[in-house]
């Protein structure tokens, strides 16, 4: 896990919740561990891949790509909705979206 936005710690918290949920619902610990791995491994791999491409700094990268010589108003380079979509897309993938974090256990 790249050290971007405290992702290691954040993913560890999400891992702990997923593992606890799987252990609580499984008849055998080995099956719980297998289910946990099936759930979390693809998700964490995707976060790692996104971080290698810039992660949550995608907004900065997009602005730099569109205005390499600078700008006077960021809204003229990348709209608020575009910036919000980049940030929310990353948050959703990383498991930080409000509806994901606040889901019932």
PDB file of N, CA and C in Angstrom:
ATOM      1  N   UNK A   1       0.851  -1.172   0.000  1.00  0.00           N
ATOM      2  CA  UNK A   1       0.000   0.000   0.000  1.00  0.00           C
ATOM      3  C   UNK A   1       0.898   1.235   0.000  1.00  0.00           C
ATOM      4  N   UNK A   2       0.719   2.091  -0.982  1.00  0.00           N
ATOM      5  CA  UNK A   2       1.474   3.339  -1.016  1.00  0.00           C
ATOM      6  C   UNK A   2       1.029   4.217   0.151  1.00  0.00           C
ATOM      7  N   UNK A   3       1.950   4.956   0.740  1.00  0.00           N
ATOM      8  CA  UNK A   3       1.580   5.835   1.865  1.00  0.00           C
ATOM      9  C   UNK A   3       0.919   7.119   1.369  1.00  0.00           C
ATOM     10  N   UNK A   4      -0.276   6.983   0.860  1.00  0.00           N
ATOM     11  CA  UNK A   4      -1.026   8.116   0.323  1.00  0.00           C
ATOM     12  C   UNK A   4      -2.282   8.289   1.160  1.00  0.00           C
ATOM     13  N   UNK A   5      -2.457   9.450   1.737  1.00  0.00           N
ATOM     14  CA  UNK A   5      -3.679   9.744   2.478  1.00  0.00           C
ATOM     15  C   UNK A   5      -3.972   8.767   3.598  1.00  0.00           C
ATOM     16  N   UNK A   6      -2.967   8.272   4.258  1.00  0.00           N
ATOM     17  CA  UNK A   6      -3.125   7.304   5.357  1.00  0.00           C
ATOM     18  C   UNK A   6      -3.848   6.038   4.916  1.00  0.00           C
ATOM     19  N   UNK A   7      -3.641   5.650   3.678  1.00  0.00           N
ATOM     20  CA  UNK A   7      -4.338   4.481   3.154  1.00  0.00           C
ATOM     21  C   UNK A   7      -4.011   3.202   3.890  1.00  0.00           C
ATOM     22  N   UNK A   8      -2.784   3.020   4.323  1.00  0.00           N
ATOM     23  CA  UNK A   8      -2.448   1.805   5.057  1.00  0.00           C
ATOM     24  C   UNK A   8      -3.309   1.659   6.297  1.00  0.00           C
ATOM     25  N   UNK A   9      -3.399   2.727   7.073  1.00  0.00           N
ATOM     26  CA  UNK A   9      -4.212   2.698   8.294  1.00  0.00           C
ATOM     27  C   UNK A   9      -5.692   2.573   7.961  1.00  0.00           C
ATOM     28  N   UNK A  10      -6.130   3.304   6.968  1.00  0.00           N
ATOM     29  CA  UNK A  10      -7.548   3.266   6.603  1.00  0.00           C
ATOM     30  C   UNK A  10      -7.956   1.890   6.107  1.00  0.00           C
ATOM     31  N   UNK A  11      -7.125   1.300   5.254  1.00  0.00           N
ATOM     32  CA  UNK A  11      -7.448  -0.026   4.745  1.00  0.00           C
ATOM     33  C   UNK A  11      -7.391  -1.063   5.865  1.00  0.00           C
ATOM     34  N   UNK A  12      -6.493  -0.871   6.835  1.00  0.00           N
ATOM     35  CA  UNK A  12      -6.435  -1.796   7.975  1.00  0.00           C
ATOM     36  C   UNK A  12      -7.738  -1.767   8.764  1.00  0.00           C
ATOM     37  N   UNK A  13      -8.317  -0.592   8.924  1.00  0.00           N
ATOM     38  CA  UNK A  13      -9.602  -0.472   9.626  1.00  0.00           C
ATOM     39  C   UNK A  13     -10.695  -1.196   8.839  1.00  0.00           C
ATOM     40  N   UNK A  14     -10.720  -0.978   7.521  1.00  0.00           N
ATOM     41  CA  UNK A  14     -11.708  -1.660   6.687  1.00  0.00           C
ATOM     42  C   UNK A  14     -11.482  -3.164   6.691  1.00  0.00           C
ATOM     43  N   UNK A  15     -10.214  -3.583   6.698  1.00  0.00           N
ATOM     44  CA  UNK A  15      -9.894  -5.013   6.793  1.00  0.00           C
ATOM     45  C   UNK A  15     -10.431  -5.601   8.089  1.00  0.00           C
ATOM     46  N   UNK A  16     -10.209  -4.895   9.188  1.00  0.00           N
ATOM     47  CA  UNK A  16     -10.656  -5.399  10.493  1.00  0.00           C
ATOM     48  C   UNK A  16     -12.167  -5.578  10.521  1.00  0.00           C
ATOM     49  N   UNK A  17     -12.878  -4.609   9.968  1.00  0.00           N
ATOM     50  CA  UNK A  17     -14.342  -4.725   9.945  1.00  0.00           C
ATOM     51  C   UNK A  17     -14.777  -5.906   9.085  1.00  0.00           C
ATOM     52  N   UNK A  18     -14.182  -6.033   7.907  1.00  0.00           N
ATOM     53  CA  UNK A  18     -14.550  -7.134   7.009  1.00  0.00           C
ATOM     54  C   UNK A  18     -14.233  -8.484   7.645  1.00  0.00           C
ATOM     55  N   UNK A  19     -13.073  -8.589   8.270  1.00  0.00           N
ATOM     56  CA  UNK A  19     -12.694  -9.851   8.908  1.00  0.00           C
ATOM     57  C   UNK A  19     -13.640 -10.180  10.056  1.00  0.00           C
ATOM     58  N   UNK A  20     -13.964  -9.191  10.873  1.00  0.00           N
ATOM     59  CA  UNK A  20     -14.897  -9.422  11.981  1.00  0.00           C
ATOM     60  C   UNK A  20     -16.260  -9.870  11.465  1.00  0.00           C
ATOM     61  N   UNK A  21     -16.734  -9.228  10.404  1.00  0.00           N
ATOM     62  CA  UNK A  21     -18.018  -9.614   9.817  1.00  0.00           C
ATOM     63  C   UNK A  21     -17.984 -11.055   9.302  1.00  0.00           C
ATOM     64  N   UNK A  22     -16.898 -11.423   8.622  1.00  0.00           N
ATOM     65  CA  UNK A  22     -16.785 -12.782   8.093  1.00  0.00           C
ATOM     66  C   UNK A  22     -16.653 -13.812   9.227  1.00  0.00           C
ATOM     67  N   UNK A  23     -15.889 -13.502  10.260  1.00  0.00           N
ATOM     68  CA  UNK A  23     -15.738 -14.429  11.386  1.00  0.00           C
ATOM     69  C   UNK A  23     -17.058 -14.627  12.120  1.00  0.00           C
ATOM     70  N   UNK A  24     -17.806 -13.558  12.266  1.00  0.00           N
ATOM     71  CA  UNK A  24     -19.082 -13.636  12.971  1.00  0.00           C
ATOM     72  C   UNK A  24     -20.079 -14.517  12.216  1.00  0.00           C
ATOM     73  N   UNK A  25     -20.036 -14.499  10.910  1.00  0.00           N
ATOM     74  CA  UNK A  25     -21.037 -15.221  10.127  1.00  0.00           C
ATOM     75  C   UNK A  25     -20.627 -16.594   9.645  1.00  0.00           C
ATOM     76  N   UNK A  26     -19.380 -17.001   9.889  1.00  0.00           N
ATOM     77  CA  UNK A  26     -18.899 -18.277   9.351  1.00  0.00           C
ATOM     78  C   UNK A  26     -18.971 -19.388  10.391  1.00  0.00           C
ATOM     79  N   UNK A  27     -19.108 -20.592   9.883  1.00  0.00           N
ATOM     80  CA  UNK A  27     -19.095 -21.753  10.773  1.00  0.00           C
ATOM     81  C   UNK A  27     -17.674 -22.154  11.150  1.00  0.00           C
ATOM     82  N   UNK A  28     -16.712 -21.826  10.281  1.00  0.00           N
ATOM     83  CA  UNK A  28     -15.328 -22.215  10.531  1.00  0.00           C
ATOM     84  C   UNK A  28     -14.407 -21.031  10.218  1.00  0.00           C
ATOM     85  N   UNK A  29     -13.386 -20.838  11.043  1.00  0.00           N
ATOM     86  CA  UNK A  29     -12.472 -19.705  10.875  1.00  0.00           C
ATOM     87  C   UNK A  29     -11.770 -19.731   9.515  1.00  0.00           C
ATOM     88  N   UNK A  30     -11.407 -20.909   9.025  1.00  0.00           N
ATOM     89  CA  UNK A  30     -10.734 -20.988   7.723  1.00  0.00           C
ATOM     90  C   UNK A  30     -11.633 -20.472   6.607  1.00  0.00           C
ATOM     91  N   UNK A  31     -12.903 -20.802   6.678  1.00  0.00           N
ATOM     92  CA  UNK A  31     -13.834 -20.308   5.663  1.00  0.00           C
ATOM     93  C   UNK A  31     -13.992 -18.797   5.785  1.00  0.00           C
ATOM     94  N   UNK A  32     -14.030 -18.296   6.998  1.00  0.00           N
ATOM     95  CA  UNK A  32     -14.118 -16.853   7.219  1.00  0.00           C
ATOM     96  C   UNK A  32     -12.906 -16.146   6.623  1.00  0.00           C
ATOM     97  N   UNK A  33     -11.729 -16.697   6.833  1.00  0.00           N
ATOM     98  CA  UNK A  33     -10.511 -16.102   6.283  1.00  0.00           C
ATOM     99  C   UNK A  33     -10.527 -16.131   4.761  1.00  0.00           C
ATOM    100  N   UNK A  34     -11.010 -17.217   4.182  1.00  0.00           N
ATOM    101  CA  UNK A  34     -11.104 -17.316   2.733  1.00  0.00           C
ATOM    102  C   UNK A  34     -12.080 -16.261   2.187  1.00  0.00           C
ATOM    103  N   UNK A  35     -13.239 -16.131   2.832  1.00  0.00           N
ATOM    104  CA  UNK A  35     -14.240 -15.138   2.393  1.00  0.00           C
ATOM    105  C   UNK A  35     -13.680 -13.719   2.528  1.00  0.00           C
ATOM    106  N   UNK A  36     -12.987 -13.465   3.621  1.00  0.00           N
ATOM    107  CA  UNK A  36     -12.360 -12.161   3.837  1.00  0.00           C
ATOM    108  C   UNK A  36     -11.373 -11.852   2.709  1.00  0.00           C
ATOM    109  N   UNK A  37     -10.532 -12.829   2.374  1.00  0.00           N
ATOM    110  CA  UNK A  37      -9.553 -12.628   1.314  1.00  0.00           C
ATOM    111  C   UNK A  37     -10.238 -12.371  -0.029  1.00  0.00           C
ATOM    112  N   UNK A  38     -11.300 -13.115  -0.326  1.00  0.00           N
ATOM    113  CA  UNK A  38     -12.028 -12.928  -1.581  1.00  0.00           C
ATOM    114  C   UNK A  38     -12.644 -11.534  -1.664  1.00  0.00           C
ATOM    115  N   UNK A  39     -13.081 -11.005  -0.538  1.00  0.00           N
ATOM    116  CA  UNK A  39     -13.697  -9.680  -0.505  1.00  0.00           C
ATOM    117  C   UNK A  39     -12.664  -8.564  -0.581  1.00  0.00           C
ATOM    118  N   UNK A  40     -11.640  -8.646   0.235  1.00  0.00           N
ATOM    119  CA  UNK A  40     -10.725  -7.530   0.401  1.00  0.00           C
ATOM    120  C   UNK A  40      -9.572  -7.472  -0.593  1.00  0.00           C
ATOM    121  N   UNK A  41      -9.070  -8.606  -1.026  1.00  0.00           N
ATOM    122  CA  UNK A  41      -7.903  -8.587  -1.906  1.00  0.00           C
ATOM    123  C   UNK A  41      -8.136  -7.789  -3.190  1.00  0.00           C
ATOM    124  N   UNK A  42      -9.231  -8.005  -3.914  1.00  0.00           N
ATOM    125  CA  UNK A  42      -9.440  -7.204  -5.128  1.00  0.00           C
ATOM    126  C   UNK A  42      -9.590  -5.708  -4.830  1.00  0.00           C
ATOM    127  N   UNK A  43     -10.248  -5.400  -3.728  1.00  0.00           N
ATOM    128  CA  UNK A  43     -10.464  -3.988  -3.384  1.00  0.00           C
ATOM    129  C   UNK A  43      -9.147  -3.291  -3.053  1.00  0.00           C
ATOM    130  N   UNK A  44      -8.330  -3.923  -2.230  1.00  0.00           N
ATOM    131  CA  UNK A  44      -7.064  -3.291  -1.865  1.00  0.00           C
ATOM    132  C   UNK A  44      -6.116  -3.231  -3.062  1.00  0.00           C
ATOM    133  N   UNK A  45      -6.156  -4.233  -3.919  1.00  0.00           N
ATOM    134  CA  UNK A  45      -5.324  -4.197  -5.121  1.00  0.00           C
ATOM    135  C   UNK A  45      -5.713  -3.020  -6.013  1.00  0.00           C
ATOM    136  N   UNK A  46      -6.996  -2.746  -6.097  1.00  0.00           N
ATOM    137  CA  UNK A  46      -7.454  -1.621  -6.912  1.00  0.00           C
ATOM    138  C   UNK A  46      -7.000  -0.295  -6.313  1.00  0.00           C
ATOM    139  N   UNK A  47      -7.030  -0.173  -4.988  1.00  0.00           N
ATOM    140  CA  UNK A  47      -6.555   1.046  -4.335  1.00  0.00           C
ATOM    141  C   UNK A  47      -5.063   1.241  -4.603  1.00  0.00           C
ATOM    142  N   UNK A  48      -4.298   0.167  -4.502  1.00  0.00           N
ATOM    143  CA  UNK A  48      -2.859   0.253  -4.781  1.00  0.00           C
ATOM    144  C   UNK A  48      -2.636   0.724  -6.219  1.00  0.00           C
ATOM    145  N   UNK A  49      -3.364   0.156  -7.162  1.00  0.00           N
ATOM    146  CA  UNK A  49      -3.217   0.557  -8.566  1.00  0.00           C
ATOM    147  C   UNK A  49      -3.592   2.024  -8.770  1.00  0.00           C
ATOM    148  N   UNK A  50      -4.659   2.470  -8.129  1.00  0.00           N
ATOM    149  CA  UNK A  50      -5.058   3.874  -8.253  1.00  0.00           C
ATOM    150  C   UNK A  50      -3.992   4.787  -7.663  1.00  0.00           C
ATOM    151  N   UNK A  51      -3.414   4.390  -6.535  1.00  0.00           N
ATOM    152  CA  UNK A  51      -2.381   5.208  -5.911  1.00  0.00           C
ATOM    153  C   UNK A  51      -1.141   5.299  -6.789  1.00  0.00           C
ATOM    154  N   UNK A  52      -0.835   4.245  -7.510  1.00  0.00           N
ATOM    155  CA  UNK A  52       0.312   4.276  -8.415  1.00  0.00           C
ATOM    156  C   UNK A  52       0.089   5.268  -9.552  1.00  0.00           C
ATOM    157  N   UNK A  53      -1.175   5.523  -9.872  1.00  0.00           N
ATOM    158  CA  UNK A  53      -1.509   6.488 -10.928  1.00  0.00           C
ATOM    159  C   UNK A  53      -1.783   7.871 -10.364  1.00  0.00           C
ATOM    160  N   UNK A  54      -1.604   8.079  -9.068  1.00  0.00           N
ATOM    161  CA  UNK A  54      -1.787   9.411  -8.501  1.00  0.00           C
ATOM    162  C   UNK A  54      -2.787   9.471  -7.377  1.00  0.00           C
ATOM    163  N   UNK A  55      -3.624   8.477  -7.254  1.00  0.00           N
ATOM    164  CA  UNK A  55      -4.558   8.400  -6.131  1.00  0.00           C
ATOM    165  C   UNK A  55      -5.452   9.618  -6.000  1.00  0.00           C
ATOM    166  N   UNK A  56      -5.652  10.070  -4.768  1.00  0.00           N
ATOM    167  CA  UNK A  56      -6.563  11.188  -4.537  1.00  0.00           C
ATOM    168  C   UNK A  56      -6.055  12.504  -5.117  1.00  0.00           C
ATOM    169  N   UNK A  57      -4.785  12.532  -5.508  1.00  0.00           N
ATOM    170  CA  UNK A  57      -4.242  13.736  -6.134  1.00  0.00           C
ATOM    171  C   UNK A  57      -4.626  13.825  -7.609  1.00  0.00           C
ATOM    172  N   UNK A  58      -5.559  12.994  -8.028  1.00  0.00           N
ATOM    173  CA  UNK A  58      -6.017  13.004  -9.414  1.00  0.00           C
ATOM    174  C   UNK A  58      -6.521  14.364  -9.856  1.00  0.00           C
ATOM    175  N   UNK A  59      -7.068  15.130  -8.939  1.00  0.00           N
ATOM    176  CA  UNK A  59      -7.532  16.477  -9.276  1.00  0.00           C
ATOM    177  C   UNK A  59      -6.338  17.338  -9.684  1.00  0.00           C
ATOM    178  N   UNK A  60      -5.271  17.267  -8.904  1.00  0.00           N
ATOM    179  CA  UNK A  60      -4.071  18.052  -9.217  1.00  0.00           C
ATOM    180  C   UNK A  60      -3.511  17.618 -10.569  1.00  0.00           C
ATOM    181  N   UNK A  61      -3.468  16.324 -10.799  1.00  0.00           N
ATOM    182  CA  UNK A  61      -2.952  15.808 -12.069  1.00  0.00           C
ATOM    183  C   UNK A  61      -3.799  16.271 -13.254  1.00  0.00           C
ATOM    184  N   UNK A  62      -5.118  16.248 -13.085  1.00  0.00           N
ATOM    185  CA  UNK A  62      -6.020  16.669 -14.167  1.00  0.00           C
ATOM    186  C   UNK A  62      -5.845  18.155 -14.474  1.00  0.00           C
ATOM    187  N   UNK A  63      -5.728  18.971 -13.436  1.00  0.00           N
ATOM    188  CA  UNK A  63      -5.529  20.411 -13.642  1.00  0.00           C
ATOM    189  C   UNK A  63      -4.188  20.655 -14.331  1.00  0.00           C
ATOM    190  N   UNK A  64      -3.153  19.976 -13.875  1.00  0.00           N
ATOM    191  CA  UNK A  64      -1.826  20.128 -14.486  1.00  0.00           C
ATOM    192  C   UNK A  64      -1.850  19.731 -15.959  1.00  0.00           C
ATOM    193  N   UNK A  65      -2.558  18.663 -16.285  1.00  0.00           N
ATOM    194  CA  UNK A  65      -2.631  18.214 -17.674  1.00  0.00           C
ATOM    195  C   UNK A  65      -3.349  19.222 -18.561  1.00  0.00           C
ATOM    196  N   UNK A  66      -4.378  19.843 -18.016  1.00  0.00           N
ATOM    197  CA  UNK A  66      -5.168  20.790 -18.818  1.00  0.00           C
ATOM    198  C   UNK A  66      -4.561  22.189 -18.854  1.00  0.00           C
ATOM    199  N   UNK A  67      -3.807  22.536 -17.831  1.00  0.00           N
ATOM    200  CA  UNK A  67      -3.238  23.888 -17.763  1.00  0.00           C
ATOM    201  C   UNK A  67      -1.777  23.822 -17.325  1.00  0.00           C
ATOM    202  N   UNK A  68      -0.901  23.254 -18.159  1.00  0.00           N
ATOM    203  CA  UNK A  68       0.493  23.081 -17.755  1.00  0.00           C
ATOM    204  C   UNK A  68       1.239  24.398 -17.519  1.00  0.00           C
ATOM    205  N   UNK A  69       0.730  25.474 -18.081  1.00  0.00           N
ATOM    206  CA  UNK A  69       1.386  26.768 -17.909  1.00  0.00           C
ATOM    207  C   UNK A  69       0.742  27.620 -16.822  1.00  0.00           C
ATOM    208  N   UNK A  70      -0.140  27.022 -16.049  1.00  0.00           N
ATOM    209  CA  UNK A  70      -0.800  27.755 -14.968  1.00  0.00           C
ATOM    210  C   UNK A  70      -2.192  28.220 -15.360  1.00  0.00           C
ATOM    211  N   UNK A  71      -2.860  28.843 -14.409  1.00  0.00           N
ATOM    212  CA  UNK A  71      -4.231  29.292 -14.633  1.00  0.00           C
ATOM    213  C   UNK A  71      -4.575  30.352 -13.602  1.00  0.00           C
ATOM    214  N   UNK A  72      -5.633  31.095 -13.885  1.00  0.00           N
ATOM    215  CA  UNK A  72      -6.100  32.130 -12.965  1.00  0.00           C
ATOM    216  C   UNK A  72      -7.265  31.662 -12.124  1.00  0.00           C
ATOM    217  N   UNK A  73      -8.071  30.759 -12.675  1.00  0.00           N
ATOM    218  CA  UNK A  73      -9.270  30.293 -11.982  1.00  0.00           C
ATOM    219  C   UNK A  73      -9.428  28.794 -12.254  1.00  0.00           C
ATOM    220  N   UNK A  74      -9.339  28.004 -11.212  1.00  0.00           N
ATOM    221  CA  UNK A  74      -9.391  26.558 -11.385  1.00  0.00           C
ATOM    222  C   UNK A  74     -10.702  26.104 -12.022  1.00  0.00           C
ATOM    223  N   UNK A  75     -11.794  26.820 -11.777  1.00  0.00           N
ATOM    224  CA  UNK A  75     -13.083  26.447 -12.361  1.00  0.00           C
ATOM    225  C   UNK A  75     -13.075  26.521 -13.881  1.00  0.00           C
ATOM    226  N   UNK A  76     -12.190  27.342 -14.445  1.00  0.00           N
ATOM    227  CA  UNK A  76     -12.079  27.433 -15.897  1.00  0.00           C
ATOM    228  C   UNK A  76     -11.272  26.262 -16.470  1.00  0.00           C
ATOM    229  N   UNK A  77     -10.540  25.593 -15.617  1.00  0.00           N
ATOM    230  CA  UNK A  77      -9.712  24.463 -16.049  1.00  0.00           C
ATOM    231  C   UNK A  77     -10.435  23.144 -15.810  1.00  0.00           C
ATOM    232  N   UNK A  78     -11.000  22.989 -14.617  1.00  0.00           N
ATOM    233  CA  UNK A  78     -11.671  21.761 -14.211  1.00  0.00           C
ATOM    234  C   UNK A  78     -12.844  22.166 -13.324  1.00  0.00           C
ATOM    235  N   UNK A  79     -14.047  21.904 -13.781  1.00  0.00           N
ATOM    236  CA  UNK A  79     -15.227  22.350 -13.046  1.00  0.00           C
ATOM    237  C   UNK A  79     -15.316  21.695 -11.664  1.00  0.00           C
ATOM    238  N   UNK A  80     -16.093  22.312 -10.806  1.00  0.00           N
ATOM    239  CA  UNK A  80     -16.303  21.753  -9.476  1.00  0.00           C
ATOM    240  C   UNK A  80     -16.863  20.338  -9.572  1.00  0.00           C
ATOM    241  N   UNK A  81     -17.811  20.118 -10.472  1.00  0.00           N
ATOM    242  CA  UNK A  81     -18.397  18.778 -10.637  1.00  0.00           C
ATOM    243  C   UNK A  81     -17.356  17.760 -11.091  1.00  0.00           C
ATOM    244  N   UNK A  82     -16.443  18.164 -11.978  1.00  0.00           N
ATOM    245  CA  UNK A  82     -15.384  17.248 -12.406  1.00  0.00           C
ATOM    246  C   UNK A  82     -14.432  16.932 -11.255  1.00  0.00           C
ATOM    247  N   UNK A  83     -14.091  17.950 -10.477  1.00  0.00           N
ATOM    248  CA  UNK A  83     -13.206  17.734  -9.325  1.00  0.00           C
ATOM    249  C   UNK A  83     -13.880  16.818  -8.308  1.00  0.00           C
ATOM    250  N   UNK A  84     -15.149  17.061  -8.057  1.00  0.00           N
ATOM    251  CA  UNK A  84     -15.903  16.246  -7.106  1.00  0.00           C
ATOM    252  C   UNK A  84     -15.988  14.795  -7.584  1.00  0.00           C
ATOM    253  N   UNK A  85     -16.180  14.592  -8.877  1.00  0.00           N
ATOM    254  CA  UNK A  85     -16.268  13.231  -9.420  1.00  0.00           C
ATOM    255  C   UNK A  85     -14.954  12.474  -9.235  1.00  0.00           C
ATOM    256  N   UNK A  86     -13.838  13.147  -9.435  1.00  0.00           N
ATOM    257  CA  UNK A  86     -12.531  12.504  -9.245  1.00  0.00           C
ATOM    258  C   UNK A  86     -12.362  12.094  -7.786  1.00  0.00           C
ATOM    259  N   UNK A  87     -12.630  13.007  -6.881  1.00  0.00           N
ATOM    260  CA  UNK A  87     -12.455  12.727  -5.452  1.00  0.00           C
ATOM    261  C   UNK A  87     -13.420  11.650  -4.982  1.00  0.00           C
ATOM    262  N   UNK A  88     -14.667  11.747  -5.380  1.00  0.00           N
ATOM    263  CA  UNK A  88     -15.656  10.750  -4.935  1.00  0.00           C
ATOM    264  C   UNK A  88     -15.402   9.380  -5.561  1.00  0.00           C
ATOM    265  N   UNK A  89     -14.915   9.363  -6.770  1.00  0.00           N
ATOM    266  CA  UNK A  89     -14.579   8.087  -7.396  1.00  0.00           C
ATOM    267  C   UNK A  89     -13.475   7.378  -6.633  1.00  0.00           C
ATOM    268  N   UNK A  90     -12.472   8.140  -6.235  1.00  0.00           N
ATOM    269  CA  UNK A  90     -11.388   7.557  -5.446  1.00  0.00           C
ATOM    270  C   UNK A  90     -11.907   7.107  -4.088  1.00  0.00           C
ATOM    271  N   UNK A  91     -12.693   7.947  -3.437  1.00  0.00           N
ATOM    272  CA  UNK A  91     -13.225   7.607  -2.117  1.00  0.00           C
ATOM    273  C   UNK A  91     -14.068   6.343  -2.171  1.00  0.00           C
ATOM    274  N   UNK A  92     -14.848   6.198  -3.209  1.00  0.00           N
ATOM    275  CA  UNK A  92     -15.679   5.006  -3.362  1.00  0.00           C
ATOM    276  C   UNK A  92     -14.825   3.750  -3.543  1.00  0.00           C
ATOM    277  N   UNK A  93     -13.817   3.844  -4.381  1.00  0.00           N
ATOM    278  CA  UNK A  93     -12.928   2.697  -4.606  1.00  0.00           C
ATOM    279  C   UNK A  93     -12.193   2.321  -3.329  1.00  0.00           C
ATOM    280  N   UNK A  94     -11.733   3.321  -2.592  1.00  0.00           N
ATOM    281  CA  UNK A  94     -10.965   3.070  -1.366  1.00  0.00           C
ATOM    282  C   UNK A  94     -11.838   2.686  -0.182  1.00  0.00           C
ATOM    283  N   UNK A  95     -13.161   2.757  -0.347  1.00  0.00           N
ATOM    284  CA  UNK A  95     -14.070   2.376   0.731  1.00  0.00           C
ATOM    285  C   UNK A  95     -14.376   3.495   1.698  1.00  0.00           C
ATOM    286  N   UNK A  96     -14.112   4.737   1.273  1.00  0.00           N
ATOM    287  CA  UNK A  96     -14.307   5.888   2.154  1.00  0.00           C
ATOM    288  C   UNK A  96     -15.603   6.645   1.896  1.00  0.00           C
ATOM    289  N   UNK A  97     -16.375   6.223   0.915  1.00  0.00           N
ATOM    290  CA  UNK A  97     -17.618   6.938   0.615  1.00  0.00           C
ATOM    291  C   UNK A  97     -18.557   6.852   1.815  1.00  0.00           C
ATOM    292  N   UNK A  98     -19.292   7.906   2.022  1.00  0.00           N
ATOM    293  CA  UNK A  98     -20.169   8.001   3.206  1.00  0.00           C
ATOM    294  C   UNK A  98     -21.056   6.790   3.368  1.00  0.00           C
ATOM    295  N   UNK A  99     -21.694   6.347   2.275  1.00  0.00           N
ATOM    296  CA  UNK A  99     -22.615   5.214   2.382  1.00  0.00           C
ATOM    297  C   UNK A  99     -21.882   3.918   2.714  1.00  0.00           C
ATOM    298  N   UNK A 100     -20.607   3.817   2.341  1.00  0.00           N
ATOM    299  CA  UNK A 100     -19.824   2.627   2.692  1.00  0.00           C
ATOM    300  C   UNK A 100     -19.401   2.638   4.145  1.00  0.00           C
ATOM    301  N   UNK A 101     -18.947   3.778   4.608  1.00  0.00           N
ATOM    302  CA  UNK A 101     -18.453   3.893   5.987  1.00  0.00           C
ATOM    303  C   UNK A 101     -19.598   3.781   6.995  1.00  0.00           C
ATOM    304  N   UNK A 102     -20.745   4.307   6.638  1.00  0.00           N
ATOM    305  CA  UNK A 102     -21.870   4.327   7.574  1.00  0.00           C
ATOM    306  C   UNK A 102     -22.810   3.139   7.446  1.00  0.00           C
ATOM    307  N   UNK A 103     -22.437   2.128   6.671  1.00  0.00           N
ATOM    308  CA  UNK A 103     -23.321   0.978   6.503  1.00  0.00           C
ATOM    309  C   UNK A 103     -23.464   0.223   7.832  1.00  0.00           C
ATOM    310  N   UNK A 104     -24.596  -0.371   8.008  1.00  0.00           N
ATOM    311  CA  UNK A 104     -24.822  -1.160   9.233  1.00  0.00           C
ATOM    312  C   UNK A 104     -23.951  -2.404   9.215  1.00  0.00           C
ATOM    313  N   UNK A 105     -23.478  -2.774  10.365  1.00  0.00           N
ATOM    314  CA  UNK A 105     -22.617  -3.957  10.465  1.00  0.00           C
ATOM    315  C   UNK A 105     -23.411  -5.217  10.282  1.00  0.00           C
TER     316      UNK A 105
END
